[in-house]
Amino acid sequence: MKLLIVAIGSGAGGALRFWISSMTQKFLPAYFPFGTLTVNLLGSLILGILIFAFDDKELLSSSMKLLLAVGFCGGFTTFSTFSFETFNLIKDTEFLLAGLNVLLNVILTLAGIYIGYLITR
């Protein structure tokens, strides 16, 4: 049952990630992976809110934690896509953009978790 709960959350998160990433890339320049950066930032913010608002106060059942935190947020954000896009930037000798992608994803996703923490306090 737990596996099914995670699978449902992951499917929903993955589908939403694809849609948001696609929409972001339509409106922002294609030379930088803004779509992945956007979903990683949003996913970190959502996870921060889930953990600090609901989990700390024990307002989420274990099934809801699996569905939302492990499933949805895990399916919504993606380290593999981030790594692939960064590798492609390096392969294309876009070293500055590759470094910027690493820095922005790390700094902004940490900021997303922190902002989620602040929102819940």
C-alpha atoms as a PDB file:
ATOM      1  CA  MET A   1       0.000   0.000   0.000  1.00  0.00           C
ATOM      2  CA  LYS A   2       2.839   2.419   0.838  1.00  0.00           C
ATOM      3  CA  LEU A   3       4.397   1.837  -2.573  1.00  0.00           C
ATOM      4  CA  LEU A   4       1.088   2.690  -4.264  1.00  0.00           C
ATOM      5  CA  ILE A   5       0.749   5.895  -2.236  1.00  0.00           C
ATOM      6  CA  VAL A   6       4.271   7.005  -3.236  1.00  0.00           C
ATOM      7  CA  ALA A   7       3.595   6.054  -6.873  1.00  0.00           C
ATOM      8  CA  ILE A   8       0.418   8.151  -6.996  1.00  0.00           C
ATOM      9  CA  GLY A   9       2.202  11.155  -5.482  1.00  0.00           C
ATOM     10  CA  SER A  10       5.198  10.715  -7.793  1.00  0.00           C
ATOM     11  CA  GLY A  11       2.979  10.517 -10.852  1.00  0.00           C
ATOM     12  CA  ALA A  12       1.170  13.713  -9.933  1.00  0.00           C
ATOM     13  CA  GLY A  13       4.428  15.480  -9.083  1.00  0.00           C
ATOM     14  CA  GLY A  14       6.122  14.332 -12.284  1.00  0.00           C
ATOM     15  CA  ALA A  15       3.211  15.429 -14.457  1.00  0.00           C
ATOM     16  CA  LEU A  16       3.084  18.838 -12.789  1.00  0.00           C
ATOM     17  CA  ARG A  17       6.882  19.163 -13.095  1.00  0.00           C
ATOM     18  CA  PHE A  18       6.673  18.489 -16.830  1.00  0.00           C
ATOM     19  CA  TRP A  19       3.902  21.055 -17.290  1.00  0.00           C
ATOM     20  CA  ILE A  20       5.520  23.813 -15.191  1.00  0.00           C
ATOM     21  CA  SER A  21       8.942  23.205 -16.733  1.00  0.00           C
ATOM     22  CA  SER A  22       7.472  23.316 -20.252  1.00  0.00           C
ATOM     23  CA  MET A  23       5.551  26.506 -19.533  1.00  0.00           C
ATOM     24  CA  THR A  24       8.595  28.154 -17.971  1.00  0.00           C
ATOM     25  CA  GLN A  25      10.765  27.320 -20.979  1.00  0.00           C
ATOM     26  CA  LYS A  26       8.166  28.907 -23.300  1.00  0.00           C
ATOM     27  CA  PHE A  27       8.539  32.273 -21.600  1.00  0.00           C
ATOM     28  CA  LEU A  28      12.213  32.326 -20.617  1.00  0.00           C
ATOM     29  CA  PRO A  29      15.330  31.958 -22.779  1.00  0.00           C
ATOM     30  CA  ALA A  30      16.169  28.382 -23.799  1.00  0.00           C
ATOM     31  CA  TYR A  31      19.930  28.764 -23.248  1.00  0.00           C
ATOM     32  CA  PHE A  32      19.475  28.108 -19.506  1.00  0.00           C
ATOM     33  CA  PRO A  33      17.393  25.363 -17.815  1.00  0.00           C
ATOM     34  CA  PHE A  34      14.989  27.752 -16.087  1.00  0.00           C
ATOM     35  CA  GLY A  35      12.230  25.111 -16.023  1.00  0.00           C
ATOM     36  CA  THR A  36      14.205  22.733 -13.818  1.00  0.00           C
ATOM     37  CA  LEU A  37      15.353  25.583 -11.608  1.00  0.00           C
ATOM     38  CA  THR A  38      11.733  26.712 -11.198  1.00  0.00           C
ATOM     39  CA  VAL A  39      10.406  23.290 -10.189  1.00  0.00           C
ATOM     40  CA  ASN A  40      13.358  22.660  -7.862  1.00  0.00           C
ATOM     41  CA  LEU A  41      12.709  25.983  -6.107  1.00  0.00           C
ATOM     42  CA  LEU A  42       8.939  25.398  -5.887  1.00  0.00           C
ATOM     43  CA  GLY A  43       9.419  21.809  -4.729  1.00  0.00           C
ATOM     44  CA  SER A  44      11.782  22.884  -1.976  1.00  0.00           C
ATOM     45  CA  LEU A  45       9.356  25.578  -0.855  1.00  0.00           C
ATOM     46  CA  ILE A  46       6.478  23.077  -0.801  1.00  0.00           C
ATOM     47  CA  LEU A  47       8.566  20.503   1.082  1.00  0.00           C
ATOM     48  CA  GLY A  48       9.644  23.149   3.607  1.00  0.00           C
ATOM     49  CA  ILE A  49       6.024  24.098   4.249  1.00  0.00           C
ATOM     50  CA  LEU A  50       4.954  20.450   4.509  1.00  0.00           C
ATOM     51  CA  ILE A  51       7.692  19.577   6.959  1.00  0.00           C
ATOM     52  CA  PHE A  52       7.625  22.642   9.157  1.00  0.00           C
ATOM     53  CA  ALA A  53       3.900  23.401   9.160  1.00  0.00           C
ATOM     54  CA  PHE A  54       2.375  19.971   9.137  1.00  0.00           C
ATOM     55  CA  ASP A  55       4.908  17.312  10.057  1.00  0.00           C
ATOM     56  CA  ASP A  56       6.451  19.133  13.018  1.00  0.00           C
ATOM     57  CA  LYS A  57       2.981  19.696  14.434  1.00  0.00           C
ATOM     58  CA  GLU A  58       2.017  16.094  13.622  1.00  0.00           C
ATOM     59  CA  LEU A  59      -0.896  17.226  11.435  1.00  0.00           C
ATOM     60  CA  LEU A  60      -0.030  14.775   8.642  1.00  0.00           C
ATOM     61  CA  SER A  61      -0.687  11.076   8.803  1.00  0.00           C
ATOM     62  CA  SER A  62       2.131   8.779   7.736  1.00  0.00           C
ATOM     63  CA  SER A  63       0.222   8.067   4.503  1.00  0.00           C
ATOM     64  CA  MET A  64      -0.092  11.783   3.702  1.00  0.00           C
ATOM     65  CA  LYS A  65       3.633  12.288   4.387  1.00  0.00           C
ATOM     66  CA  LEU A  66       4.392   9.487   1.944  1.00  0.00           C
ATOM     67  CA  LEU A  67       1.990  10.898  -0.652  1.00  0.00           C
ATOM     68  CA  LEU A  68       3.081  14.537  -0.423  1.00  0.00           C
ATOM     69  CA  ALA A  69       6.699  14.645   0.777  1.00  0.00           C
ATOM     70  CA  VAL A  70       8.150  11.428  -0.645  1.00  0.00           C
ATOM     71  CA  GLY A  71       5.832  10.940  -3.625  1.00  0.00           C
ATOM     72  CA  PHE A  72       4.745  14.360  -4.852  1.00  0.00           C
ATOM     73  CA  CYS A  73       7.853  16.373  -3.945  1.00  0.00           C
ATOM     74  CA  GLY A  74      10.123  13.520  -5.028  1.00  0.00           C
ATOM     75  CA  GLY A  75       8.374  13.296  -8.391  1.00  0.00           C
ATOM     76  CA  PHE A  76       8.105  17.064  -8.757  1.00  0.00           C
ATOM     77  CA  THR A  77      11.759  17.932  -8.241  1.00  0.00           C
ATOM     78  CA  THR A  78      14.491  16.065 -10.011  1.00  0.00           C
ATOM     79  CA  PHE A  79      18.182  15.835  -9.398  1.00  0.00           C
ATOM     80  CA  SER A  80      18.731  13.689 -12.459  1.00  0.00           C
ATOM     81  CA  THR A  81      17.368  16.323 -14.853  1.00  0.00           C
ATOM     82  CA  PHE A  82      19.420  18.997 -13.108  1.00  0.00           C
ATOM     83  CA  SER A  83      22.535  16.845 -13.464  1.00  0.00           C
ATOM     84  CA  PHE A  84      21.844  16.055 -17.131  1.00  0.00           C
ATOM     85  CA  GLU A  85      21.237  19.709 -18.016  1.00  0.00           C
ATOM     86  CA  THR A  86      24.381  20.785 -16.161  1.00  0.00           C
ATOM     87  CA  PHE A  87      26.401  18.093 -17.960  1.00  0.00           C
ATOM     88  CA  ASN A  88      25.073  19.282 -21.314  1.00  0.00           C
ATOM     89  CA  LEU A  89      26.102  22.842 -20.504  1.00  0.00           C
ATOM     90  CA  ILE A  90      29.610  21.606 -19.644  1.00  0.00           C
ATOM     91  CA  LYS A  91      29.718  19.462 -22.793  1.00  0.00           C
ATOM     92  CA  ASP A  92      28.768  22.551 -24.825  1.00  0.00           C
ATOM     93  CA  THR A  93      31.590  24.465 -23.068  1.00  0.00           C
ATOM     94  CA  GLU A  94      29.073  26.739 -21.347  1.00  0.00           C
ATOM     95  CA  PHE A  95      31.068  26.598 -18.114  1.00  0.00           C
ATOM     96  CA  LEU A  96      29.730  29.857 -16.705  1.00  0.00           C
ATOM     97  CA  LEU A  97      26.117  28.755 -17.254  1.00  0.00           C
ATOM     98  CA  ALA A  98      26.864  25.299 -15.810  1.00  0.00           C
ATOM     99  CA  GLY A  99      28.350  26.863 -12.682  1.00  0.00           C
ATOM    100  CA  LEU A 100      25.467  29.300 -12.435  1.00  0.00           C
ATOM    101  CA  ASN A 101      23.003  26.408 -12.731  1.00  0.00           C
ATOM    102  CA  VAL A 102      24.684  24.536  -9.871  1.00  0.00           C
ATOM    103  CA  LEU A 103      24.865  27.616  -7.652  1.00  0.00           C
ATOM    104  CA  LEU A 104      21.308  28.749  -8.306  1.00  0.00           C
ATOM    105  CA  ASN A 105      19.799  25.291  -7.777  1.00  0.00           C
ATOM    106  CA  VAL A 106      21.663  24.755  -4.521  1.00  0.00           C
ATOM    107  CA  ILE A 107      21.203  28.266  -3.111  1.00  0.00           C
ATOM    108  CA  LEU A 108      17.594  28.771  -4.210  1.00  0.00           C
ATOM    109  CA  THR A 109      16.393  25.335  -3.107  1.00  0.00           C
ATOM    110  CA  LEU A 110      17.978  25.864   0.304  1.00  0.00           C
ATOM    111  CA  ALA A 111      16.282  29.257   0.368  1.00  0.00           C
ATOM    112  CA  GLY A 112      12.995  27.552  -0.568  1.00  0.00           C
ATOM    113  CA  ILE A 113      13.233  25.231   2.416  1.00  0.00           C
ATOM    114  CA  TYR A 114      14.122  28.175   4.670  1.00  0.00           C
ATOM    115  CA  ILE A 115      11.248  30.309   3.347  1.00  0.00           C
ATOM    116  CA  GLY A 116       8.915  27.361   3.940  1.00  0.00           C
ATOM    117  CA  TYR A 117      10.219  27.256   7.499  1.00  0.00           C
ATOM    118  CA  LEU A 118       9.651  31.011   7.938  1.00  0.00           C
ATOM    119  CA  ILE A 119       6.130  30.841   6.501  1.00  0.00           C
ATOM    120  CA  THR A 120       5.163  28.221   9.043  1.00  0.00           C
ATOM    121  CA  ARG A 121       6.515  30.014  12.073  1.00  0.00           C
END
